Protein backbone atom coordinates (compact mmCIF):
# COMPACT_ATOMS: atom_id res chain seq x y z
CA UNK A 1 -43.48 38.69 84.19
CA UNK A 2 -41.92 38.51 87.62
CA UNK A 3 -38.30 37.60 88.11
CA UNK A 4 -39.25 34.27 89.70
CA UNK A 5 -41.60 33.33 86.85
CA UNK A 6 -38.95 34.32 84.30
CA UNK A 7 -36.38 32.14 86.09
CA UNK A 8 -38.87 29.26 86.21
CA UNK A 9 -39.46 29.58 82.45
CA UNK A 10 -35.71 29.62 81.78
CA UNK A 11 -35.28 26.50 83.93
CA UNK A 12 -38.07 24.79 81.99
CA UNK A 13 -36.41 25.66 78.67
CA UNK A 14 -33.02 24.49 80.01
CA UNK A 15 -34.49 21.09 80.97
CA UNK A 16 -36.20 20.82 77.58
CA UNK A 17 -32.92 21.47 75.77
CA UNK A 18 -31.22 18.86 77.97
CA UNK A 19 -33.86 16.30 76.94
CA UNK A 20 -33.44 17.23 73.27
CA UNK A 21 -29.67 16.81 73.58
CA UNK A 22 -30.03 13.37 75.16
CA UNK A 23 -32.52 12.28 72.48
CA UNK A 24 -30.24 13.50 69.69
CA UNK A 25 -27.27 11.63 71.16
CA UNK A 26 -29.27 8.38 70.99
CA UNK A 27 -29.58 8.56 67.19
CA UNK A 28 -26.96 6.48 65.40
CA UNK A 29 -26.24 9.30 62.96
CA UNK A 30 -26.66 12.28 65.26
CA UNK A 31 -26.25 15.71 63.72
CA UNK A 32 -23.18 17.33 65.27
CA UNK A 33 -24.27 20.79 64.12
CA UNK A 34 -27.63 20.34 65.81
CA UNK A 35 -25.88 19.12 68.98
CA UNK A 36 -23.63 22.18 68.98
CA UNK A 37 -26.61 24.51 68.51
CA UNK A 38 -28.56 22.87 71.34
CA UNK A 39 -25.53 23.10 73.63
CA UNK A 40 -25.04 26.77 72.72
CA UNK A 41 -28.69 27.59 73.48
CA UNK A 42 -28.52 25.67 76.74
CA UNK A 43 -25.41 27.57 77.81
CA UNK A 44 -27.00 30.92 76.91
CA UNK A 45 -30.00 30.08 79.10
CA UNK A 46 -27.74 28.96 81.95
CA UNK A 47 -25.79 32.22 81.70
CA UNK A 48 -29.00 34.26 81.71
CA UNK A 49 -30.29 32.38 84.77
CA UNK A 50 -27.01 33.02 86.61
CA UNK A 51 -27.15 36.72 85.70
CA UNK A 52 -30.76 37.06 86.87
CA UNK A 53 -30.04 35.22 90.11
CA UNK A 54 -27.05 37.48 90.72
CA UNK A 55 -29.16 40.56 90.02
CA UNK A 56 -31.83 39.25 92.40
CA UNK A 57 -29.29 38.75 95.18
CA UNK A 58 -27.95 42.27 94.63
CA UNK A 59 -31.45 43.67 95.14
CA UNK A 60 -31.88 41.93 98.50
């Protein structure tokens, strides 16, 4: 997997988690533990994307 395709996949997963978060917030009795887990995963992906982009810039 190339760096660009890996970044694209991470961006896709990040958007998917954002949609899941928004959907969960719409439920009257939303699960706060589920929200926290989704937010944690989303942040991990964001951090990984930032690290990969930084690594990519270092290579160029």
